[in-house]
Amino acid sequence: MIPPGQLLRDIADSGRTIQGWCAGKTFGDYEADRQLRRAVEREFEIIGEALARLARVHPALAERIEHLPRIVGFRNRIIHGYDAIDHATVWGVLTGHLPALLAEIAHLIEDHG
């Protein structure tokens, strides 16, 4: 079983990786680059899976993540609906929601190591 602190660090690492890969890119760049899209989707899968595991092993900690059920649901849509992924939705999540999640995770890492 992965300790809660490691799950939080995995989430932060995947989120920062996504941000690094997409820094300076436009949606058009993202949409045109299949390899980038697939890599970003994989990192979102890791984020969602780590959050699902966190909810199982440390529910009190997981409750502090505002949109955890939506994030896990997003991960499920990417995995199970791989053939119908809306690239604009993924781009919107990474530009609009990922920074807030990473801020939440950073606070939890400070609190729990």
PDB file of N, CA and C in Angstrom:
ATOM      1  N   MET A   1       0.846  -1.177   0.000  1.00  0.00           N
ATOM      2  CA  MET A   1       0.000   0.000   0.000  1.00  0.00           C
ATOM      3  C   MET A   1       0.897   1.249   0.000  1.00  0.00           C
ATOM      4  N   ILE A   2       0.582   2.155  -0.882  1.00  0.00           N
ATOM      5  CA  ILE A   2       1.355   3.395  -0.984  1.00  0.00           C
ATOM      6  C   ILE A   2       0.907   4.351   0.121  1.00  0.00           C
ATOM      7  N   PRO A   3       1.825   4.930   0.875  1.00  0.00           N
ATOM      8  CA  PRO A   3       1.446   5.873   1.932  1.00  0.00           C
ATOM      9  C   PRO A   3       0.787   7.123   1.346  1.00  0.00           C
ATOM     10  N   PRO A   4      -0.101   7.754   2.099  1.00  0.00           N
ATOM     11  CA  PRO A   4      -0.798   8.946   1.613  1.00  0.00           C
ATOM     12  C   PRO A   4       0.145  10.044   1.120  1.00  0.00           C
ATOM     13  N   GLY A   5       1.247  10.256   1.822  1.00  0.00           N
ATOM     14  CA  GLY A   5       2.190  11.295   1.400  1.00  0.00           C
ATOM     15  C   GLY A   5       2.763  11.020   0.027  1.00  0.00           C
ATOM     16  N   GLN A   6       3.027   9.748  -0.274  1.00  0.00           N
ATOM     17  CA  GLN A   6       3.549   9.388  -1.597  1.00  0.00           C
ATOM     18  C   GLN A   6       2.492   9.610  -2.674  1.00  0.00           C
ATOM     19  N   LEU A   7       1.244   9.293  -2.370  1.00  0.00           N
ATOM     20  CA  LEU A   7       0.163   9.532  -3.330  1.00  0.00           C
ATOM     21  C   LEU A   7       0.060  11.026  -3.649  1.00  0.00           C
ATOM     22  N   LEU A   8       0.164  11.855  -2.619  1.00  0.00           N
ATOM     23  CA  LEU A   8       0.121  13.303  -2.831  1.00  0.00           C
ATOM     24  C   LEU A   8       1.291  13.761  -3.691  1.00  0.00           C
ATOM     25  N   ARG A   9       2.469  13.227  -3.423  1.00  0.00           N
ATOM     26  CA  ARG A   9       3.646  13.596  -4.227  1.00  0.00           C
ATOM     27  C   ARG A   9       3.509  13.117  -5.671  1.00  0.00           C
ATOM     28  N   ASP A  10       2.903  11.949  -5.870  1.00  0.00           N
ATOM     29  CA  ASP A  10       2.674  11.448  -7.231  1.00  0.00           C
ATOM     30  C   ASP A  10       1.724  12.377  -7.994  1.00  0.00           C
ATOM     31  N   ILE A  11       0.695  12.844  -7.325  1.00  0.00           N
ATOM     32  CA  ILE A  11      -0.255  13.778  -7.940  1.00  0.00           C
ATOM     33  C   ILE A  11       0.459  15.065  -8.324  1.00  0.00           C
ATOM     34  N   ALA A  12       1.230  15.596  -7.392  1.00  0.00           N
ATOM     35  CA  ALA A  12       1.960  16.836  -7.659  1.00  0.00           C
ATOM     36  C   ALA A  12       2.935  16.656  -8.811  1.00  0.00           C
ATOM     37  N   ASP A  13       3.650  15.542  -8.828  1.00  0.00           N
ATOM     38  CA  ASP A  13       4.619  15.292  -9.892  1.00  0.00           C
ATOM     39  C   ASP A  13       3.935  15.207 -11.252  1.00  0.00           C
ATOM     40  N   SER A  14       2.842  14.472 -11.336  1.00  0.00           N
ATOM     41  CA  SER A  14       2.129  14.357 -12.609  1.00  0.00           C
ATOM     42  C   SER A  14       1.567  15.703 -13.051  1.00  0.00           C
ATOM     43  N   GLY A  15       1.030  16.459 -12.119  1.00  0.00           N
ATOM     44  CA  GLY A  15       0.493  17.768 -12.464  1.00  0.00           C
ATOM     45  C   GLY A  15       1.557  18.732 -12.960  1.00  0.00           C
ATOM     46  N   ARG A  16       2.685  18.753 -12.278  1.00  0.00           N
ATOM     47  CA  ARG A  16       3.787  19.620 -12.715  1.00  0.00           C
ATOM     48  C   ARG A  16       4.346  19.170 -14.063  1.00  0.00           C
ATOM     49  N   THR A  17       4.358  17.867 -14.284  1.00  0.00           N
ATOM     50  CA  THR A  17       4.824  17.341 -15.568  1.00  0.00           C
ATOM     51  C   THR A  17       3.917  17.828 -16.689  1.00  0.00           C
ATOM     52  N   ILE A  18       2.617  17.742 -16.491  1.00  0.00           N
ATOM     53  CA  ILE A  18       1.660  18.241 -17.492  1.00  0.00           C
ATOM     54  C   ILE A  18       1.921  19.714 -17.764  1.00  0.00           C
ATOM     55  N   GLN A  19       2.044  20.485 -16.702  1.00  0.00           N
ATOM     56  CA  GLN A  19       2.262  21.926 -16.872  1.00  0.00           C
ATOM     57  C   GLN A  19       3.556  22.208 -17.621  1.00  0.00           C
ATOM     58  N   GLY A  20       4.590  21.461 -17.322  1.00  0.00           N
ATOM     59  CA  GLY A  20       5.861  21.658 -18.013  1.00  0.00           C
ATOM     60  C   GLY A  20       5.766  21.348 -19.492  1.00  0.00           C
ATOM     61  N   TRP A  21       5.124  20.249 -19.815  1.00  0.00           N
ATOM     62  CA  TRP A  21       4.980  19.875 -21.217  1.00  0.00           C
ATOM     63  C   TRP A  21       4.147  20.888 -21.997  1.00  0.00           C
ATOM     64  N   CYS A  22       3.175  21.508 -21.339  1.00  0.00           N
ATOM     65  CA  CYS A  22       2.231  22.383 -22.042  1.00  0.00           C
ATOM     66  C   CYS A  22       2.584  23.863 -21.928  1.00  0.00           C
ATOM     67  N   ALA A  23       3.612  24.182 -21.180  1.00  0.00           N
ATOM     68  CA  ALA A  23       4.025  25.585 -21.030  1.00  0.00           C
ATOM     69  C   ALA A  23       4.355  26.168 -22.405  1.00  0.00           C
ATOM     70  N   GLY A  24       3.793  27.308 -22.671  1.00  0.00           N
ATOM     71  CA  GLY A  24       4.059  27.993 -23.932  1.00  0.00           C
ATOM     72  C   GLY A  24       3.305  27.432 -25.124  1.00  0.00           C
ATOM     73  N   LYS A  25       2.498  26.421 -24.904  1.00  0.00           N
ATOM     74  CA  LYS A  25       1.734  25.815 -25.996  1.00  0.00           C
ATOM     75  C   LYS A  25       0.340  26.430 -26.067  1.00  0.00           C
ATOM     76  N   THR A  26      -0.221  26.397 -27.237  1.00  0.00           N
ATOM     77  CA  THR A  26      -1.611  26.812 -27.437  1.00  0.00           C
ATOM     78  C   THR A  26      -2.470  25.555 -27.537  1.00  0.00           C
ATOM     79  N   PHE A  27      -3.776  25.750 -27.510  1.00  0.00           N
ATOM     80  CA  PHE A  27      -4.666  24.617 -27.714  1.00  0.00           C
ATOM     81  C   PHE A  27      -4.415  23.998 -29.084  1.00  0.00           C
ATOM     82  N   GLY A  28      -4.164  24.813 -30.074  1.00  0.00           N
ATOM     83  CA  GLY A  28      -3.862  24.302 -31.411  1.00  0.00           C
ATOM     84  C   GLY A  28      -2.635  23.416 -31.412  1.00  0.00           C
ATOM     85  N   ASP A  29      -1.596  23.824 -30.677  1.00  0.00           N
ATOM     86  CA  ASP A  29      -0.390  23.002 -30.550  1.00  0.00           C
ATOM     87  C   ASP A  29      -0.741  21.658 -29.914  1.00  0.00           C
ATOM     88  N   TYR A  30      -1.505  21.728 -28.845  1.00  0.00           N
ATOM     89  CA  TYR A  30      -1.901  20.529 -28.114  1.00  0.00           C
ATOM     90  C   TYR A  30      -2.718  19.602 -29.012  1.00  0.00           C
ATOM     91  N   GLU A  31      -3.690  20.171 -29.676  1.00  0.00           N
ATOM     92  CA  GLU A  31      -4.584  19.372 -30.505  1.00  0.00           C
ATOM     93  C   GLU A  31      -3.835  18.695 -31.663  1.00  0.00           C
ATOM     94  N   ALA A  32      -2.816  19.353 -32.189  1.00  0.00           N
ATOM     95  CA  ALA A  32      -2.067  18.833 -33.332  1.00  0.00           C
ATOM     96  C   ALA A  32      -1.008  17.794 -32.952  1.00  0.00           C
ATOM     97  N   ASP A  33      -0.707  17.662 -31.670  1.00  0.00           N
ATOM     98  CA  ASP A  33       0.393  16.801 -31.230  1.00  0.00           C
ATOM     99  C   ASP A  33      -0.157  15.569 -30.503  1.00  0.00           C
ATOM    100  N   ARG A  34      -0.343  14.501 -31.233  1.00  0.00           N
ATOM    101  CA  ARG A  34      -0.918  13.274 -30.666  1.00  0.00           C
ATOM    102  C   ARG A  34      -0.087  12.741 -29.502  1.00  0.00           C
ATOM    103  N   GLN A  35       1.220  12.778 -29.647  1.00  0.00           N
ATOM    104  CA  GLN A  35       2.093  12.270 -28.586  1.00  0.00           C
ATOM    105  C   GLN A  35       1.910  13.080 -27.305  1.00  0.00           C
ATOM    106  N   LEU A  36       1.832  14.389 -27.416  1.00  0.00           N
ATOM    107  CA  LEU A  36       1.616  15.240 -26.251  1.00  0.00           C
ATOM    108  C   LEU A  36       0.261  14.944 -25.618  1.00  0.00           C
ATOM    109  N   ARG A  37      -0.774  14.842 -26.449  1.00  0.00           N
ATOM    110  CA  ARG A  37      -2.113  14.559 -25.916  1.00  0.00           C
ATOM    111  C   ARG A  37      -2.120  13.247 -25.132  1.00  0.00           C
ATOM    112  N   ARG A  38      -1.524  12.224 -25.714  1.00  0.00           N
ATOM    113  CA  ARG A  38      -1.514  10.921 -25.048  1.00  0.00           C
ATOM    114  C   ARG A  38      -0.710  10.960 -23.754  1.00  0.00           C
ATOM    115  N   ALA A  39       0.375  11.680 -23.758  1.00  0.00           N
ATOM    116  CA  ALA A  39       1.197  11.797 -22.553  1.00  0.00           C
ATOM    117  C   ALA A  39       0.432  12.540 -21.454  1.00  0.00           C
ATOM    118  N   VAL A  40      -0.237  13.622 -21.826  1.00  0.00           N
ATOM    119  CA  VAL A  40      -1.031  14.385 -20.856  1.00  0.00           C
ATOM    120  C   VAL A  40      -2.164  13.516 -20.306  1.00  0.00           C
ATOM    121  N   GLU A  41      -2.836  12.804 -21.174  1.00  0.00           N
ATOM    122  CA  GLU A  41      -3.916  11.922 -20.730  1.00  0.00           C
ATOM    123  C   GLU A  41      -3.392  10.897 -19.732  1.00  0.00           C
ATOM    124  N   ARG A  42      -2.227  10.337 -19.981  1.00  0.00           N
ATOM    125  CA  ARG A  42      -1.645   9.354 -19.060  1.00  0.00           C
ATOM    126  C   ARG A  42      -1.371   9.970 -17.695  1.00  0.00           C
ATOM    127  N   GLU A  43      -0.835  11.176 -17.688  1.00  0.00           N
ATOM    128  CA  GLU A  43      -0.572  11.834 -16.399  1.00  0.00           C
ATOM    129  C   GLU A  43      -1.880  12.123 -15.658  1.00  0.00           C
ATOM    130  N   PHE A  44      -2.935  12.488 -16.383  1.00  0.00           N
ATOM    131  CA  PHE A  44      -4.236  12.678 -15.728  1.00  0.00           C
ATOM    132  C   PHE A  44      -4.776  11.350 -15.187  1.00  0.00           C
ATOM    133  N   GLU A  45      -4.506  10.258 -15.887  1.00  0.00           N
ATOM    134  CA  GLU A  45      -4.901   8.949 -15.370  1.00  0.00           C
ATOM    135  C   GLU A  45      -4.209   8.679 -14.032  1.00  0.00           C
ATOM    136  N   ILE A  46      -2.926   9.003 -13.959  1.00  0.00           N
ATOM    137  CA  ILE A  46      -2.174   8.804 -12.720  1.00  0.00           C
ATOM    138  C   ILE A  46      -2.748   9.662 -11.600  1.00  0.00           C
ATOM    139  N   ILE A  47      -3.048  10.922 -11.903  1.00  0.00           N
ATOM    140  CA  ILE A  47      -3.642  11.815 -10.896  1.00  0.00           C
ATOM    141  C   ILE A  47      -4.947  11.230 -10.381  1.00  0.00           C
ATOM    142  N   GLY A  48      -5.814  10.811 -11.283  1.00  0.00           N
ATOM    143  CA  GLY A  48      -7.112  10.261 -10.881  1.00  0.00           C
ATOM    144  C   GLY A  48      -6.992   8.980 -10.085  1.00  0.00           C
ATOM    145  N   GLU A  49      -6.079   8.110 -10.501  1.00  0.00           N
ATOM    146  CA  GLU A  49      -5.885   6.854  -9.774  1.00  0.00           C
ATOM    147  C   GLU A  49      -5.302   7.112  -8.386  1.00  0.00           C
ATOM    148  N   ALA A  50      -4.342   8.010  -8.288  1.00  0.00           N
ATOM    149  CA  ALA A  50      -3.760   8.337  -6.983  1.00  0.00           C
ATOM    150  C   ALA A  50      -4.823   8.917  -6.051  1.00  0.00           C
ATOM    151  N   LEU A  51      -5.702   9.747  -6.590  1.00  0.00           N
ATOM    152  CA  LEU A  51      -6.774  10.312  -5.758  1.00  0.00           C
ATOM    153  C   LEU A  51      -7.774   9.239  -5.338  1.00  0.00           C
ATOM    154  N   ALA A  52      -8.090   8.316  -6.229  1.00  0.00           N
ATOM    155  CA  ALA A  52      -8.997   7.218  -5.864  1.00  0.00           C
ATOM    156  C   ALA A  52      -8.385   6.364  -4.755  1.00  0.00           C
ATOM    157  N   ARG A  53      -7.094   6.087  -4.862  1.00  0.00           N
ATOM    158  CA  ARG A  53      -6.419   5.317  -3.811  1.00  0.00           C
ATOM    159  C   ARG A  53      -6.381   6.094  -2.507  1.00  0.00           C
ATOM    160  N   LEU A  54      -6.121   7.394  -2.587  1.00  0.00           N
ATOM    161  CA  LEU A  54      -6.100   8.229  -1.390  1.00  0.00           C
ATOM    162  C   LEU A  54      -7.450   8.177  -0.685  1.00  0.00           C
ATOM    163  N   ALA A  55      -8.525   8.223  -1.453  1.00  0.00           N
ATOM    164  CA  ALA A  55      -9.874   8.164  -0.866  1.00  0.00           C
ATOM    165  C   ALA A  55     -10.099   6.847  -0.143  1.00  0.00           C
ATOM    166  N   ARG A  56      -9.502   5.771  -0.640  1.00  0.00           N
ATOM    167  CA  ARG A  56      -9.661   4.466   0.012  1.00  0.00           C
ATOM    168  C   ARG A  56      -8.813   4.332   1.267  1.00  0.00           C
ATOM    169  N   VAL A  57      -7.556   4.821   1.223  1.00  0.00           N
ATOM    170  CA  VAL A  57      -6.646   4.584   2.349  1.00  0.00           C
ATOM    171  C   VAL A  57      -6.654   5.703   3.388  1.00  0.00           C
ATOM    172  N   HIS A  58      -7.067   6.877   2.997  1.00  0.00           N
ATOM    173  CA  HIS A  58      -7.076   8.009   3.925  1.00  0.00           C
ATOM    174  C   HIS A  58      -8.243   8.942   3.581  1.00  0.00           C
ATOM    175  N   PRO A  59      -9.493   8.476   3.829  1.00  0.00           N
ATOM    176  CA  PRO A  59     -10.661   9.254   3.424  1.00  0.00           C
ATOM    177  C   PRO A  59     -10.734  10.650   4.041  1.00  0.00           C
ATOM    178  N   ALA A  60     -10.273  10.803   5.264  1.00  0.00           N
ATOM    179  CA  ALA A  60     -10.320  12.130   5.894  1.00  0.00           C
ATOM    180  C   ALA A  60      -9.430  13.117   5.138  1.00  0.00           C
ATOM    181  N   LEU A  61      -8.293  12.668   4.701  1.00  0.00           N
ATOM    182  CA  LEU A  61      -7.389  13.517   3.927  1.00  0.00           C
ATOM    183  C   LEU A  61      -7.984  13.798   2.544  1.00  0.00           C
ATOM    184  N   ALA A  62      -8.528  12.770   1.930  1.00  0.00           N
ATOM    185  CA  ALA A  62      -9.114  12.919   0.598  1.00  0.00           C
ATOM    186  C   ALA A  62     -10.288  13.906   0.590  1.00  0.00           C
ATOM    187  N   GLU A  63     -11.027  13.953   1.670  1.00  0.00           N
ATOM    188  CA  GLU A  63     -12.172  14.875   1.769  1.00  0.00           C
ATOM    189  C   GLU A  63     -11.737  16.339   1.669  1.00  0.00           C
ATOM    190  N   ARG A  64     -10.488  16.603   1.922  1.00  0.00           N
ATOM    191  CA  ARG A  64      -9.994  17.985   1.862  1.00  0.00           C
ATOM    192  C   ARG A  64      -9.730  18.445   0.432  1.00  0.00           C
ATOM    193  N   ILE A  65      -9.833  17.543  -0.530  1.00  0.00           N
ATOM    194  CA  ILE A  65      -9.624  17.879  -1.943  1.00  0.00           C
ATOM    195  C   ILE A  65     -10.992  18.173  -2.541  1.00  0.00           C
ATOM    196  N   GLU A  66     -11.195  19.420  -2.881  1.00  0.00           N
ATOM    197  CA  GLU A  66     -12.527  19.921  -3.220  1.00  0.00           C
ATOM    198  C   GLU A  66     -13.246  19.126  -4.303  1.00  0.00           C
ATOM    199  N   HIS A  67     -12.610  18.840  -5.395  1.00  0.00           N
ATOM    200  CA  HIS A  67     -13.293  18.217  -6.533  1.00  0.00           C
ATOM    201  C   HIS A  67     -12.856  16.778  -6.773  1.00  0.00           C
ATOM    202  N   LEU A  68     -12.497  16.071  -5.715  1.00  0.00           N
ATOM    203  CA  LEU A  68     -11.969  14.721  -5.873  1.00  0.00           C
ATOM    204  C   LEU A  68     -12.888  13.820  -6.696  1.00  0.00           C
ATOM    205  N   PRO A  69     -14.182  13.733  -6.417  1.00  0.00           N
ATOM    206  CA  PRO A  69     -15.023  12.832  -7.223  1.00  0.00           C
ATOM    207  C   PRO A  69     -15.047  13.213  -8.711  1.00  0.00           C
ATOM    208  N   ARG A  70     -15.026  14.489  -9.007  1.00  0.00           N
ATOM    209  CA  ARG A  70     -15.015  14.923 -10.408  1.00  0.00           C
ATOM    210  C   ARG A  70     -13.695  14.560 -11.086  1.00  0.00           C
ATOM    211  N   ILE A  71     -12.599  14.671 -10.350  1.00  0.00           N
ATOM    212  CA  ILE A  71     -11.290  14.355 -10.921  1.00  0.00           C
ATOM    213  C   ILE A  71     -11.189  12.857 -11.203  1.00  0.00           C
ATOM    214  N   VAL A  72     -11.642  12.040 -10.273  1.00  0.00           N
ATOM    215  CA  VAL A  72     -11.633  10.595 -10.484  1.00  0.00           C
ATOM    216  C   VAL A  72     -12.554  10.240 -11.657  1.00  0.00           C
ATOM    217  N   GLY A  73     -13.691  10.906 -11.744  1.00  0.00           N
ATOM    218  CA  GLY A  73     -14.595  10.689 -12.871  1.00  0.00           C
ATOM    219  C   GLY A  73     -13.958  11.074 -14.195  1.00  0.00           C
ATOM    220  N   PHE A  74     -13.182  12.157 -14.201  1.00  0.00           N
ATOM    221  CA  PHE A  74     -12.458  12.586 -15.396  1.00  0.00           C
ATOM    222  C   PHE A  74     -11.457  11.507 -15.807  1.00  0.00           C
ATOM    223  N   ARG A  75     -10.758  10.970 -14.847  1.00  0.00           N
ATOM    224  CA  ARG A  75      -9.814   9.874 -15.116  1.00  0.00           C
ATOM    225  C   ARG A  75     -10.539   8.690 -15.739  1.00  0.00           C
ATOM    226  N   ASN A  76     -11.696   8.350 -15.211  1.00  0.00           N
ATOM    227  CA  ASN A  76     -12.463   7.224 -15.744  1.00  0.00           C
ATOM    228  C   ASN A  76     -12.920   7.483 -17.177  1.00  0.00           C
ATOM    229  N   ARG A  77     -13.321   8.714 -17.451  1.00  0.00           N
ATOM    230  CA  ARG A  77     -13.731   9.053 -18.824  1.00  0.00           C
ATOM    231  C   ARG A  77     -12.561   8.921 -19.789  1.00  0.00           C
ATOM    232  N   ILE A  78     -11.375   9.324 -19.361  1.00  0.00           N
ATOM    233  CA  ILE A  78     -10.200   9.211 -20.230  1.00  0.00           C
ATOM    234  C   ILE A  78      -9.888   7.739 -20.505  1.00  0.00           C
ATOM    235  N   ILE A  79      -9.920   6.926 -19.468  1.00  0.00           N
ATOM    236  CA  ILE A  79      -9.564   5.520 -19.634  1.00  0.00           C
ATOM    237  C   ILE A  79     -10.634   4.750 -20.413  1.00  0.00           C
ATOM    238  N   HIS A  80     -11.868   4.881 -19.997  1.00  0.00           N
ATOM    239  CA  HIS A  80     -12.924   4.059 -20.579  1.00  0.00           C
ATOM    240  C   HIS A  80     -13.505   4.655 -21.856  1.00  0.00           C
ATOM    241  N   GLY A  81     -13.302   5.934 -22.056  1.00  0.00           N
ATOM    242  CA  GLY A  81     -13.805   6.579 -23.267  1.00  0.00           C
ATOM    243  C   GLY A  81     -12.676   7.068 -24.138  1.00  0.00           C
ATOM    244  N   TYR A  82     -11.602   6.294 -24.163  1.00  0.00           N
ATOM    245  CA  TYR A  82     -10.388   6.711 -24.886  1.00  0.00           C
ATOM    246  C   TYR A  82     -10.672   7.089 -26.333  1.00  0.00           C
ATOM    247  N   ASP A  83     -11.717   6.504 -26.905  1.00  0.00           N
ATOM    248  CA  ASP A  83     -12.015   6.749 -28.318  1.00  0.00           C
ATOM    249  C   ASP A  83     -12.906   7.966 -28.533  1.00  0.00           C
ATOM    250  N   ALA A  84     -13.281   8.612 -27.446  1.00  0.00           N
ATOM    251  CA  ALA A  84     -14.178   9.767 -27.569  1.00  0.00           C
ATOM    252  C   ALA A  84     -13.712  10.928 -26.695  1.00  0.00           C
ATOM    253  N   ILE A  85     -12.423  11.036 -26.474  1.00  0.00           N
ATOM    254  CA  ILE A  85     -11.891  12.102 -25.627  1.00  0.00           C
ATOM    255  C   ILE A  85     -12.041  13.436 -26.344  1.00  0.00           C
ATOM    256  N   ASP A  86     -12.588  14.394 -25.641  1.00  0.00           N
ATOM    257  CA  ASP A  86     -12.727  15.753 -26.173  1.00  0.00           C
ATOM    258  C   ASP A  86     -11.469  16.523 -25.780  1.00  0.00           C
ATOM    259  N   HIS A  87     -10.646  16.817 -26.774  1.00  0.00           N
ATOM    260  CA  HIS A  87      -9.366  17.479 -26.498  1.00  0.00           C
ATOM    261  C   HIS A  87      -9.560  18.853 -25.864  1.00  0.00           C
ATOM    262  N   ALA A  88     -10.627  19.542 -26.232  1.00  0.00           N
ATOM    263  CA  ALA A  88     -10.899  20.853 -25.640  1.00  0.00           C
ATOM    264  C   ALA A  88     -11.206  20.726 -24.151  1.00  0.00           C
ATOM    265  N   THR A  89     -11.879  19.658 -23.770  1.00  0.00           N
ATOM    266  CA  THR A  89     -12.169  19.438 -22.349  1.00  0.00           C
ATOM    267  C   THR A  89     -10.882  19.184 -21.578  1.00  0.00           C
ATOM    268  N   VAL A  90     -10.015  18.332 -22.112  1.00  0.00           N
ATOM    269  CA  VAL A  90      -8.742  18.052 -21.437  1.00  0.00           C
ATOM    270  C   VAL A  90      -7.934  19.339 -21.314  1.00  0.00           C
ATOM    271  N   TRP A  91      -7.865  20.110 -22.398  1.00  0.00           N
ATOM    272  CA  TRP A  91      -7.129  21.383 -22.365  1.00  0.00           C
ATOM    273  C   TRP A  91      -7.730  22.316 -21.316  1.00  0.00           C
ATOM    274  N   GLY A  92      -9.047  22.364 -21.255  1.00  0.00           N
ATOM    275  CA  GLY A  92      -9.709  23.207 -20.260  1.00  0.00           C
ATOM    276  C   GLY A  92      -9.394  22.790 -18.838  1.00  0.00           C
ATOM    277  N   VAL A  93      -9.325  21.499 -18.602  1.00  0.00           N
ATOM    278  CA  VAL A  93      -8.979  21.000 -17.268  1.00  0.00           C
ATOM    279  C   VAL A  93      -7.544  21.369 -16.930  1.00  0.00           C
ATOM    280  N   LEU A  94      -6.640  21.187 -17.876  1.00  0.00           N
ATOM    281  CA  LEU A  94      -5.240  21.453 -17.542  1.00  0.00           C
ATOM    282  C   LEU A  94      -4.955  22.939 -17.405  1.00  0.00           C
ATOM    283  N   THR A  95      -5.665  23.787 -18.123  1.00  0.00           N
ATOM    284  CA  THR A  95      -5.427  25.221 -17.983  1.00  0.00           C
ATOM    285  C   THR A  95      -6.298  25.870 -16.914  1.00  0.00           C
ATOM    286  N   GLY A  96      -7.486  25.339 -16.691  1.00  0.00           N
ATOM    287  CA  GLY A  96      -8.419  25.984 -15.776  1.00  0.00           C
ATOM    288  C   GLY A  96      -8.515  25.386 -14.392  1.00  0.00           C
ATOM    289  N   HIS A  97      -8.279  24.080 -14.278  1.00  0.00           N
ATOM    290  CA  HIS A  97      -8.500  23.408 -12.992  1.00  0.00           C
ATOM    291  C   HIS A  97      -7.238  22.821 -12.364  1.00  0.00           C
ATOM    292  N   LEU A  98      -6.290  22.435 -13.181  1.00  0.00           N
ATOM    293  CA  LEU A  98      -5.076  21.816 -12.654  1.00  0.00           C
ATOM    294  C   LEU A  98      -4.308  22.730 -11.698  1.00  0.00           C
ATOM    295  N   PRO A  99      -4.158  24.022 -11.993  1.00  0.00           N
ATOM    296  CA  PRO A  99      -3.424  24.870 -11.032  1.00  0.00           C
ATOM    297  C   PRO A  99      -4.051  24.876  -9.637  1.00  0.00           C
ATOM    298  N   ALA A 100      -5.369  24.909  -9.546  1.00  0.00           N
ATOM    299  CA  ALA A 100      -6.028  24.903  -8.234  1.00  0.00           C
ATOM    300  C   ALA A 100      -5.801  23.577  -7.515  1.00  0.00           C
ATOM    301  N   LEU A 101      -5.884  22.471  -8.248  1.00  0.00           N
ATOM    302  CA  LEU A 101      -5.625  21.169  -7.636  1.00  0.00           C
ATOM    303  C   LEU A 101      -4.207  21.107  -7.097  1.00  0.00           C
ATOM    304  N   LEU A 102      -3.252  21.567  -7.885  1.00  0.00           N
ATOM    305  CA  LEU A 102      -1.861  21.522  -7.429  1.00  0.00           C
ATOM    306  C   LEU A 102      -1.638  22.390  -6.198  1.00  0.00           C
ATOM    307  N   ALA A 103      -2.332  23.502  -6.105  1.00  0.00           N
ATOM    308  CA  ALA A 103      -2.238  24.341  -4.909  1.00  0.00           C
ATOM    309  C   ALA A 103      -2.793  23.596  -3.699  1.00  0.00           C
ATOM    310  N   GLU A 104      -3.926  22.926  -3.870  1.00  0.00           N
ATOM    311  CA  GLU A 104      -4.502  22.135  -2.772  1.00  0.00           C
ATOM    312  C   GLU A 104      -3.531  21.028  -2.339  1.00  0.00           C
ATOM    313  N   ILE A 105      -2.975  20.341  -3.317  1.00  0.00           N
ATOM    314  CA  ILE A 105      -2.062  19.239  -3.021  1.00  0.00           C
ATOM    315  C   ILE A 105      -0.815  19.755  -2.307  1.00  0.00           C
ATOM    316  N   ALA A 106      -0.307  20.901  -2.727  1.00  0.00           N
ATOM    317  CA  ALA A 106       0.873  21.477  -2.071  1.00  0.00           C
ATOM    318  C   ALA A 106       0.601  21.742  -0.597  1.00  0.00           C
ATOM    319  N   HIS A 107      -0.586  22.256  -0.292  1.00  0.00           N
ATOM    320  CA  HIS A 107      -0.947  22.515   1.113  1.00  0.00           C
ATOM    321  C   HIS A 107      -1.030  21.205   1.906  1.00  0.00           C
ATOM    322  N   LEU A 108      -1.601  20.171   1.273  1.00  0.00           N
ATOM    323  CA  LEU A 108      -1.708  18.887   1.963  1.00  0.00           C
ATOM    324  C   LEU A 108      -0.335  18.258   2.183  1.00  0.00           C
ATOM    325  N   ILE A 109       0.552  18.406   1.214  1.00  0.00           N
ATOM    326  CA  ILE A 109       1.918  17.891   1.383  1.00  0.00           C
ATOM    327  C   ILE A 109       2.608  18.615   2.532  1.00  0.00           C
ATOM    328  N   GLU A 110       2.423  19.914   2.625  1.00  0.00           N
ATOM    329  CA  GLU A 110       3.009  20.668   3.747  1.00  0.00           C
ATOM    330  C   GLU A 110       2.494  20.145   5.079  1.00  0.00           C
ATOM    331  N   ASP A 111       1.192  19.810   5.123  1.00  0.00           N
ATOM    332  CA  ASP A 111       0.574  19.347   6.361  1.00  0.00           C
ATOM    333  C   ASP A 111       0.948  17.901   6.695  1.00  0.00           C
ATOM    334  N   HIS A 112       1.124  17.073   5.660  1.00  0.00           N
ATOM    335  CA  HIS A 112       1.282  15.625   5.897  1.00  0.00           C
ATOM    336  C   HIS A 112       2.568  15.026   5.379  1.00  0.00           C
ATOM    337  N   GLY A 113       3.411  15.842   4.771  1.00  0.00           N
ATOM    338  CA  GLY A 113       4.685  15.307   4.309  1.00  0.00           C
ATOM    339  C   GLY A 113       4.580  14.471   3.135  1.00  0.00           C
TER     340      GLY A 113
END
